[in-house]
Amino acid sequence: DDASTDDSLDLINTIIGNDKRFKIFKNQQNSGVGITKSKLIELATGEICGFVDPDDAITPNALKSSIHFFKKDKNVVLTYSKYVRCDENLKQIDIPKNSMQVPNGDPFFFNCPVHMVHFVCFRKGIYEQTEKMDTEMKIAEDQDLYLKMYEKGKVKFIDEANYLYRTHSGGISQNENRPKSREYFAKVIFNAMKRRNLKTINGKTIPSEYTDSKKIYDLLAYQNSILYRIKKKLRIFGQQLFSEE
């Protein structure tokens, strides 16, 4: 709990009761999503971690499906699924089609456009080998995590809608917050470029310092071309063809 001021913590305690499978931690002061999620990973005692945002939910099969692939392939460091877009009452609106398997081992992959989405689970042991989550991030902290994990091993798409995503005007990355979300995501991408020691992308020089999001997204514009998308699909098909079933 990030020092909430409503009765949500009391309600959660009532629901959990004496069930020892659940542990509750509370910040002394409101610290923001980046610090809170980073702290939760540190406090976690299990081998696999995953986040469900406060307004959302997961399906009964979500955890089982993720764990299946972690057990099946030790090289998988992160799993992700489809998600269900819901209204304020968690009633289904639709299932977005952007979730799909991405090519593994590509230094020019930045999850832009976004294909790796909720429900995400990852190996804590591998996470601890990364620079860890950027606690300064108020938005796009999840994308920061995904790209850092991507650099450490295989990511696996689960073709199931295992996450219920609640849409409303107050969401961090929704509606009026989208420009801020886009700006933070650009910073995440820039940091990944530097972390991977990239100097150029598609013949264009990567700036030495971050100035604005447009320069970053312009560098990746070529990835929206039909030819690039065809090549990407062929690469994914090849990886799936030669991977263990």
Foldseek 3Di string as FASTA:
>chain_A
DQPDDDCVVVVVCVVCPPPPVDDDDYDPHRQADLVVVLVVLVVDPDFKDWDADPQKDWDPCVVVVFVVVCVVDVQAFKEAEWAFEAESVLHGDGTDPLADAFFAPDLPDQCVPPHGDPGMMGGSVQQVVFPHFDSVDNACSVSLSVLRSSVRGGYYYDHDHTMRHYDDPPDCCDDPNVVVNLFSSLVSSLVSCVVSVHQAAPPHGRDPDDDTSVVSVVRVPVCPDPVNVVVRVVSVVVVVVPDDD
